Structures are given as structure tokens and as C-alpha cells.
Amino acid sequence: MAPFRWPEARHELALAKEVAQHSPEKPDEWNAVAKRLGKAFSTDSCSVELKGRGCREKMDRILTKYKEEDMKGLKRAP
């Protein structure tokens, strides 16, 4: 099975919503998030299997990018 590449913004949004709703901290909690998202992203023709670590790392990258863009915006503010 090929790795999931988070192809659309809706996938990232779904991840962010899951994290906001469940506030995972432990690996088992991240695995539960991954399992729920895997079911939500799967179709009849394509099964998606996510790992908790991958979800956590993706969320970390999303937050890092947001913080960087926020800092740039604050520097431009008069």
C-alpha cells in the first residue's frame, strides 16, 4: 500500500478537527485518531491506512507553518 500523502486541504482540515476534538497526547490516542481518519478517507476503490505517528507529525507541520505565517503577518502590521 502506498503512503498517504494528504492530497487535499479537506484531509488536513479533518485532521485538525479530530485533534481539536480529542486532544491526543499519548501514542494510543494518536492511533485512535489515525484509525478514525483512515475509515473516513477510505473509498470502495481505495483503502487508506494511517499511523498515529504520521498524523502527529502532519499536525506538527501544519502548526509550524501556521505559526511562521502568523509571525510574518505580525511583522507586516503597522
PDB file of N, CA and C in Angstrom:
ATOM      1  N   MET A   1       0.837  -1.172   0.000  1.00  0.00           N
ATOM      2  CA  MET A   1       0.000   0.000   0.000  1.00  0.00           C
ATOM      3  C   MET A   1       0.889   1.244   0.000  1.00  0.00           C
ATOM      4  N   ALA A   2       0.574   2.188  -0.861  1.00  0.00           N
ATOM      5  CA  ALA A   2       1.347   3.424  -0.955  1.00  0.00           C
ATOM      6  C   ALA A   2       1.044   4.323   0.249  1.00  0.00           C
ATOM      7  N   PRO A   3       2.027   5.109   0.677  1.00  0.00           N
ATOM      8  CA  PRO A   3       1.779   6.002   1.800  1.00  0.00           C
ATOM      9  C   PRO A   3       0.762   7.092   1.444  1.00  0.00           C
ATOM     10  N   PHE A   4       0.006   7.509   2.421  1.00  0.00           N
ATOM     11  CA  PHE A   4      -0.982   8.570   2.236  1.00  0.00           C
ATOM     12  C   PHE A   4      -0.261   9.903   2.199  1.00  0.00           C
ATOM     13  N   ARG A   5      -0.543  10.721   1.201  1.00  0.00           N
ATOM     14  CA  ARG A   5       0.192  11.976   1.005  1.00  0.00           C
ATOM     15  C   ARG A   5      -0.596  13.237   1.354  1.00  0.00           C
ATOM     16  N   TRP A   6      -1.724  13.115   2.030  1.00  0.00           N
ATOM     17  CA  TRP A   6      -2.555  14.264   2.392  1.00  0.00           C
ATOM     18  C   TRP A   6      -2.820  15.135   1.165  1.00  0.00           C
ATOM     19  N   PRO A   7      -3.535  14.576   0.166  1.00  0.00           N
ATOM     20  CA  PRO A   7      -3.660  15.226  -1.137  1.00  0.00           C
ATOM     21  C   PRO A   7      -4.503  16.502  -1.175  1.00  0.00           C
ATOM     22  N   GLU A   8      -5.408  16.676  -0.243  1.00  0.00           N
ATOM     23  CA  GLU A   8      -6.301  17.830  -0.317  1.00  0.00           C
ATOM     24  C   GLU A   8      -6.369  18.541   1.029  1.00  0.00           C
ATOM     25  N   ALA A   9      -6.724  19.812   0.967  1.00  0.00           N
ATOM     26  CA  ALA A   9      -6.854  20.602   2.192  1.00  0.00           C
ATOM     27  C   ALA A   9      -7.943  20.034   3.105  1.00  0.00           C
ATOM     28  N   ARG A  10      -8.952  19.402   2.522  1.00  0.00           N
ATOM     29  CA  ARG A  10     -10.033  18.841   3.348  1.00  0.00           C
ATOM     30  C   ARG A  10      -9.516  17.733   4.262  1.00  0.00           C
ATOM     31  N   HIS A  11      -8.482  17.033   3.832  1.00  0.00           N
ATOM     32  CA  HIS A  11      -7.887  15.994   4.674  1.00  0.00           C
ATOM     33  C   HIS A  11      -7.169  16.636   5.869  1.00  0.00           C
ATOM     34  N   GLU A  12      -6.442  17.709   5.606  1.00  0.00           N
ATOM     35  CA  GLU A  12      -5.757  18.412   6.687  1.00  0.00           C
ATOM     36  C   GLU A  12      -6.769  19.015   7.654  1.00  0.00           C
ATOM     37  N   LEU A  13      -7.851  19.547   7.125  1.00  0.00           N
ATOM     38  CA  LEU A  13      -8.904  20.121   7.970  1.00  0.00           C
ATOM     39  C   LEU A  13      -9.545  19.045   8.845  1.00  0.00           C
ATOM     40  N   ALA A  14      -9.777  17.879   8.277  1.00  0.00           N
ATOM     41  CA  ALA A  14     -10.346  16.775   9.052  1.00  0.00           C
ATOM     42  C   ALA A  14      -9.393  16.368  10.184  1.00  0.00           C
ATOM     43  N   LEU A  15      -8.102  16.342   9.894  1.00  0.00           N
ATOM     44  CA  LEU A  15      -7.110  16.029  10.925  1.00  0.00           C
ATOM     45  C   LEU A  15      -7.160  17.076  12.030  1.00  0.00           C
ATOM     46  N   ALA A  16      -7.172  18.343  11.652  1.00  0.00           N
ATOM     47  CA  ALA A  16      -7.198  19.416  12.648  1.00  0.00           C
ATOM     48  C   ALA A  16      -8.456  19.331  13.520  1.00  0.00           C
ATOM     49  N   LYS A  17      -9.588  19.003  12.913  1.00  0.00           N
ATOM     50  CA  LYS A  17     -10.828  18.877  13.678  1.00  0.00           C
ATOM     51  C   LYS A  17     -10.745  17.715  14.669  1.00  0.00           C
ATOM     52  N   GLU A  18     -10.197  16.599  14.225  1.00  0.00           N
ATOM     53  CA  GLU A  18     -10.049  15.439  15.114  1.00  0.00           C
ATOM     54  C   GLU A  18      -9.140  15.773  16.294  1.00  0.00           C
ATOM     55  N   VAL A  19      -8.042  16.462  16.003  1.00  0.00           N
ATOM     56  CA  VAL A  19      -7.094  16.816  17.062  1.00  0.00           C
ATOM     57  C   VAL A  19      -7.742  17.799  18.035  1.00  0.00           C
ATOM     58  N   ALA A  20      -8.479  18.770  17.519  1.00  0.00           N
ATOM     59  CA  ALA A  20      -9.142  19.742  18.382  1.00  0.00           C
ATOM     60  C   ALA A  20     -10.201  19.066  19.253  1.00  0.00           C
ATOM     61  N   GLN A  21     -10.896  18.101  18.687  1.00  0.00           N
ATOM     62  CA  GLN A  21     -11.970  17.430  19.414  1.00  0.00           C
ATOM     63  C   GLN A  21     -11.447  16.468  20.484  1.00  0.00           C
ATOM     64  N   HIS A  22     -10.378  15.748  20.189  1.00  0.00           N
ATOM     65  CA  HIS A  22      -9.923  14.678  21.073  1.00  0.00           C
ATOM     66  C   HIS A  22      -8.636  14.983  21.837  1.00  0.00           C
ATOM     67  N   SER A  23      -7.908  16.022  21.453  1.00  0.00           N
ATOM     68  CA  SER A  23      -6.656  16.414  22.123  1.00  0.00           C
ATOM     69  C   SER A  23      -5.743  15.231  22.424  1.00  0.00           C
ATOM     70  N   PRO A  24      -5.317  14.497  21.395  1.00  0.00           N
ATOM     71  CA  PRO A  24      -4.467  13.324  21.645  1.00  0.00           C
ATOM     72  C   PRO A  24      -3.091  13.726  22.165  1.00  0.00           C
ATOM     73  N   GLU A  25      -2.593  12.975  23.113  1.00  0.00           N
ATOM     74  CA  GLU A  25      -1.261  13.199  23.659  1.00  0.00           C
ATOM     75  C   GLU A  25      -0.428  11.923  23.619  1.00  0.00           C
ATOM     76  N   LYS A  26      -1.047  10.812  23.974  1.00  0.00           N
ATOM     77  CA  LYS A  26      -0.340   9.534  24.032  1.00  0.00           C
ATOM     78  C   LYS A  26      -0.404   8.835  22.673  1.00  0.00           C
ATOM     79  N   PRO A  27       0.567   7.957  22.393  1.00  0.00           N
ATOM     80  CA  PRO A  27       0.564   7.236  21.117  1.00  0.00           C
ATOM     81  C   PRO A  27      -0.742   6.491  20.830  1.00  0.00           C
ATOM     82  N   ASP A  28      -1.342   5.887  21.855  1.00  0.00           N
ATOM     83  CA  ASP A  28      -2.610   5.176  21.645  1.00  0.00           C
ATOM     84  C   ASP A  28      -3.715   6.123  21.199  1.00  0.00           C
ATOM     85  N   GLU A  29      -3.708   7.332  21.730  1.00  0.00           N
ATOM     86  CA  GLU A  29      -4.719   8.320  21.344  1.00  0.00           C
ATOM     87  C   GLU A  29      -4.515   8.770  19.900  1.00  0.00           C
ATOM     88  N   TRP A  30      -3.255   8.947  19.489  1.00  0.00           N
ATOM     89  CA  TRP A  30      -2.959   9.309  18.102  1.00  0.00           C
ATOM     90  C   TRP A  30      -3.342   8.166  17.164  1.00  0.00           C
ATOM     91  N   ASN A  31      -3.123   6.929  17.596  1.00  0.00           N
ATOM     92  CA  ASN A  31      -3.523   5.779  16.776  1.00  0.00           C
ATOM     93  C   ASN A  31      -5.033   5.740  16.591  1.00  0.00           C
ATOM     94  N   ALA A  32      -5.779   6.123  17.613  1.00  0.00           N
ATOM     95  CA  ALA A  32      -7.238   6.164  17.501  1.00  0.00           C
ATOM     96  C   ALA A  32      -7.667   7.235  16.500  1.00  0.00           C
ATOM     97  N   VAL A  33      -7.001   8.386  16.520  1.00  0.00           N
ATOM     98  CA  VAL A  33      -7.278   9.442  15.534  1.00  0.00           C
ATOM     99  C   VAL A  33      -6.989   8.918  14.133  1.00  0.00           C
ATOM    100  N   ALA A  34      -5.849   8.261  13.969  1.00  0.00           N
ATOM    101  CA  ALA A  34      -5.464   7.720  12.665  1.00  0.00           C
ATOM    102  C   ALA A  34      -6.482   6.703  12.162  1.00  0.00           C
ATOM    103  N   LYS A  35      -6.958   5.869  13.047  1.00  0.00           N
ATOM    104  CA  LYS A  35      -7.940   4.845  12.661  1.00  0.00           C
ATOM    105  C   LYS A  35      -9.248   5.491  12.191  1.00  0.00           C
ATOM    106  N   ARG A  36      -9.723   6.489  12.940  1.00  0.00           N
ATOM    107  CA  ARG A  36     -10.958   7.180  12.540  1.00  0.00           C
ATOM    108  C   ARG A  36     -10.803   7.883  11.200  1.00  0.00           C
ATOM    109  N   LEU A  37      -9.671   8.551  11.008  1.00  0.00           N
ATOM    110  CA  LEU A  37      -9.447   9.261   9.742  1.00  0.00           C
ATOM    111  C   LEU A  37      -9.264   8.285   8.583  1.00  0.00           C
ATOM    112  N   GLY A  38      -8.595   7.177   8.837  1.00  0.00           N
ATOM    113  CA  GLY A  38      -8.420   6.171   7.795  1.00  0.00           C
ATOM    114  C   GLY A  38      -9.757   5.671   7.280  1.00  0.00           C
ATOM    115  N   LYS A  39     -10.685   5.425   8.189  1.00  0.00           N
ATOM    116  CA  LYS A  39     -12.028   4.996   7.783  1.00  0.00           C
ATOM    117  C   LYS A  39     -12.735   6.097   7.009  1.00  0.00           C
ATOM    118  N   ALA A  40     -12.578   7.343   7.458  1.00  0.00           N
ATOM    119  CA  ALA A  40     -13.253   8.461   6.801  1.00  0.00           C
ATOM    120  C   ALA A  40     -12.696   8.725   5.403  1.00  0.00           C
ATOM    121  N   PHE A  41     -11.406   8.512   5.204  1.00  0.00           N
ATOM    122  CA  PHE A  41     -10.769   8.798   3.916  1.00  0.00           C
ATOM    123  C   PHE A  41     -10.853   7.635   2.940  1.00  0.00           C
ATOM    124  N   SER A  42     -11.173   6.449   3.400  1.00  0.00           N
ATOM    125  CA  SER A  42     -11.234   5.276   2.531  1.00  0.00           C
ATOM    126  C   SER A  42     -12.457   5.332   1.620  1.00  0.00           C
ATOM    127  N   THR A  43     -12.292   4.763   0.437  1.00  0.00           N
ATOM    128  CA  THR A  43     -13.393   4.634  -0.512  1.00  0.00           C
ATOM    129  C   THR A  43     -13.515   3.160  -0.887  1.00  0.00           C
ATOM    130  N   ASP A  44     -14.507   2.861  -1.702  1.00  0.00           N
ATOM    131  CA  ASP A  44     -14.676   1.478  -2.146  1.00  0.00           C
ATOM    132  C   ASP A  44     -13.473   0.992  -2.949  1.00  0.00           C
ATOM    133  N   SER A  45     -12.868   1.900  -3.703  1.00  0.00           N
ATOM    134  CA  SER A  45     -11.756   1.506  -4.568  1.00  0.00           C
ATOM    135  C   SER A  45     -10.383   1.682  -3.915  1.00  0.00           C
ATOM    136  N   CYS A  46     -10.318   2.414  -2.805  1.00  0.00           N
ATOM    137  CA  CYS A  46      -9.018   2.702  -2.193  1.00  0.00           C
ATOM    138  C   CYS A  46      -9.138   2.699  -0.672  1.00  0.00           C
ATOM    139  N   SER A  47      -8.409   1.800  -0.057  1.00  0.00           N
ATOM    140  CA  SER A  47      -8.387   1.728   1.395  1.00  0.00           C
ATOM    141  C   SER A  47      -7.229   2.578   1.916  1.00  0.00           C
ATOM    142  N   VAL A  48      -7.493   3.403   2.915  1.00  0.00           N
ATOM    143  CA  VAL A  48      -6.472   4.274   3.492  1.00  0.00           C
ATOM    144  C   VAL A  48      -6.150   3.778   4.897  1.00  0.00           C
ATOM    145  N   GLU A  49      -4.871   3.568   5.149  1.00  0.00           N
ATOM    146  CA  GLU A  49      -4.422   3.162   6.473  1.00  0.00           C
ATOM    147  C   GLU A  49      -3.417   4.192   6.978  1.00  0.00           C
ATOM    148  N   LEU A  50      -3.776   4.882   8.039  1.00  0.00           N
ATOM    149  CA  LEU A  50      -2.910   5.908   8.603  1.00  0.00           C
ATOM    150  C   LEU A  50      -2.292   5.403   9.903  1.00  0.00           C
ATOM    151  N   LYS A  51      -1.173   5.989  10.248  1.00  0.00           N
ATOM    152  CA  LYS A  51      -0.492   5.680  11.503  1.00  0.00           C
ATOM    153  C   LYS A  51      -0.596   6.894  12.418  1.00  0.00           C
ATOM    154  N   GLY A  52      -0.643   6.637  13.702  1.00  0.00           N
ATOM    155  CA  GLY A  52      -0.725   7.718  14.670  1.00  0.00           C
ATOM    156  C   GLY A  52       0.450   8.670  14.572  1.00  0.00           C
ATOM    157  N   ARG A  53       1.636   8.120  14.387  1.00  0.00           N
ATOM    158  CA  ARG A  53       2.833   8.956  14.292  1.00  0.00           C
ATOM    159  C   ARG A  53       2.765   9.876  13.082  1.00  0.00           C
ATOM    160  N   GLY A  54       2.281   9.359  11.959  1.00  0.00           N
ATOM    161  CA  GLY A  54       2.151  10.179  10.757  1.00  0.00           C
ATOM    162  C   GLY A  54       1.169  11.319  10.949  1.00  0.00           C
ATOM    163  N   CYS A  55       0.078  11.041  11.640  1.00  0.00           N
ATOM    164  CA  CYS A  55      -0.918  12.083  11.918  1.00  0.00           C
ATOM    165  C   CYS A  55      -0.324  13.151  12.837  1.00  0.00           C
ATOM    166  N   ARG A  56       0.393  12.712  13.854  1.00  0.00           N
ATOM    167  CA  ARG A  56       1.009  13.667  14.789  1.00  0.00           C
ATOM    168  C   ARG A  56       2.036  14.544  14.084  1.00  0.00           C
ATOM    169  N   GLU A  57       2.871  13.929  13.249  1.00  0.00           N
ATOM    170  CA  GLU A  57       3.886  14.696  12.532  1.00  0.00           C
ATOM    171  C   GLU A  57       3.258  15.660  11.533  1.00  0.00           C
ATOM    172  N   LYS A  58       2.185  15.238  10.869  1.00  0.00           N
ATOM    173  CA  LYS A  58       1.497  16.126   9.931  1.00  0.00           C
ATOM    174  C   LYS A  58       0.887  17.309  10.683  1.00  0.00           C
ATOM    175  N   MET A  59       0.280  17.060  11.827  1.00  0.00           N
ATOM    176  CA  MET A  59      -0.304  18.144  12.614  1.00  0.00           C
ATOM    177  C   MET A  59       0.780  19.098  13.086  1.00  0.00           C
ATOM    178  N   ASP A  60       1.935  18.573  13.463  1.00  0.00           N
ATOM    179  CA  ASP A  60       3.059  19.425  13.865  1.00  0.00           C
ATOM    180  C   ASP A  60       3.497  20.327  12.711  1.00  0.00           C
ATOM    181  N   ARG A  61       3.560  19.769  11.496  1.00  0.00           N
ATOM    182  CA  ARG A  61       3.953  20.570  10.324  1.00  0.00           C
ATOM    183  C   ARG A  61       2.919  21.651  10.018  1.00  0.00           C
ATOM    184  N   ILE A  62       1.648  21.326  10.151  1.00  0.00           N
ATOM    185  CA  ILE A  62       0.585  22.303   9.915  1.00  0.00           C
ATOM    186  C   ILE A  62       0.718  23.460  10.910  1.00  0.00           C
ATOM    187  N   LEU A  63       0.921  23.128  12.180  1.00  0.00           N
ATOM    188  CA  LEU A  63       1.037  24.168  13.204  1.00  0.00           C
ATOM    189  C   LEU A  63       2.294  25.019  13.013  1.00  0.00           C
ATOM    190  N   THR A  64       3.398  24.399  12.639  1.00  0.00           N
ATOM    191  CA  THR A  64       4.634  25.138  12.388  1.00  0.00           C
ATOM    192  C   THR A  64       4.441  26.126  11.247  1.00  0.00           C
ATOM    193  N   LYS A  65       3.816  25.671  10.170  1.00  0.00           N
ATOM    194  CA  LYS A  65       3.565  26.546   9.021  1.00  0.00           C
ATOM    195  C   LYS A  65       2.650  27.704   9.416  1.00  0.00           C
ATOM    196  N   TYR A  66       1.617  27.410  10.188  1.00  0.00           N
ATOM    197  CA  TYR A  66       0.696  28.452  10.630  1.00  0.00           C
ATOM    198  C   TYR A  66       1.433  29.492  11.475  1.00  0.00           C
ATOM    199  N   LYS A  67       2.258  29.044  12.400  1.00  0.00           N
ATOM    200  CA  LYS A  67       2.986  29.963  13.271  1.00  0.00           C
ATOM    201  C   LYS A  67       3.947  30.840  12.477  1.00  0.00           C
ATOM    202  N   GLU A  68       4.619  30.269  11.473  1.00  0.00           N
ATOM    203  CA  GLU A  68       5.541  31.033  10.640  1.00  0.00           C
ATOM    204  C   GLU A  68       4.790  32.115   9.863  1.00  0.00           C
ATOM    205  N   GLU A  69       3.653  31.750   9.277  1.00  0.00           N
ATOM    206  CA  GLU A  69       2.864  32.714   8.524  1.00  0.00           C
ATOM    207  C   GLU A  69       2.282  33.784   9.439  1.00  0.00           C
ATOM    208  N   ASP A  70       1.911  33.408  10.645  1.00  0.00           N
ATOM    209  CA  ASP A  70       1.376  34.358  11.610  1.00  0.00           C
ATOM    210  C   ASP A  70       2.445  35.373  11.991  1.00  0.00           C
ATOM    211  N   MET A  71       3.672  34.909  12.217  1.00  0.00           N
ATOM    212  CA  MET A  71       4.763  35.817  12.568  1.00  0.00           C
ATOM    213  C   MET A  71       5.060  36.779  11.427  1.00  0.00           C
ATOM    214  N   LYS A  72       5.015  36.307  10.192  1.00  0.00           N
ATOM    215  CA  LYS A  72       5.234  37.179   9.034  1.00  0.00           C
ATOM    216  C   LYS A  72       4.161  38.258   8.986  1.00  0.00           C
ATOM    217  N   GLY A  73       2.922  37.861   9.247  1.00  0.00           N
ATOM    218  CA  GLY A  73       1.817  38.824   9.237  1.00  0.00           C
ATOM    219  C   GLY A  73       1.960  39.852  10.333  1.00  0.00           C
ATOM    220  N   LEU A  74       2.428  39.448  11.495  1.00  0.00           N
ATOM    221  CA  LEU A  74       2.604  40.384  12.592  1.00  0.00           C
ATOM    222  C   LEU A  74       3.723  41.383  12.297  1.00  0.00           C
ATOM    223  N   LYS A  75       4.750  40.944  11.614  1.00  0.00           N
ATOM    224  CA  LYS A  75       5.858  41.831  11.273  1.00  0.00           C
ATOM    225  C   LYS A  75       5.427  42.890  10.263  1.00  0.00           C
ATOM    226  N   ARG A  76       4.457  42.531   9.394  1.00  0.00           N
ATOM    227  CA  ARG A  76       3.983  43.491   8.381  1.00  0.00           C
ATOM    228  C   ARG A  76       2.988  44.486   8.939  1.00  0.00           C
ATOM    229  N   ALA A  77       2.375  44.167  10.057  1.00  0.00           N
ATOM    230  CA  ALA A  77       1.341  45.047  10.625  1.00  0.00           C
ATOM    231  C   ALA A  77       1.958  46.388  11.040  1.00  0.00           C
ATOM    232  N   PRO A  78       1.254  47.482  10.766  1.00  0.00           N
ATOM    233  CA  PRO A  78       1.807  48.799  11.113  1.00  0.00           C
ATOM    234  C   PRO A  78       1.814  49.087  12.587  1.00  0.00           C
TER     235      PRO A  78
END
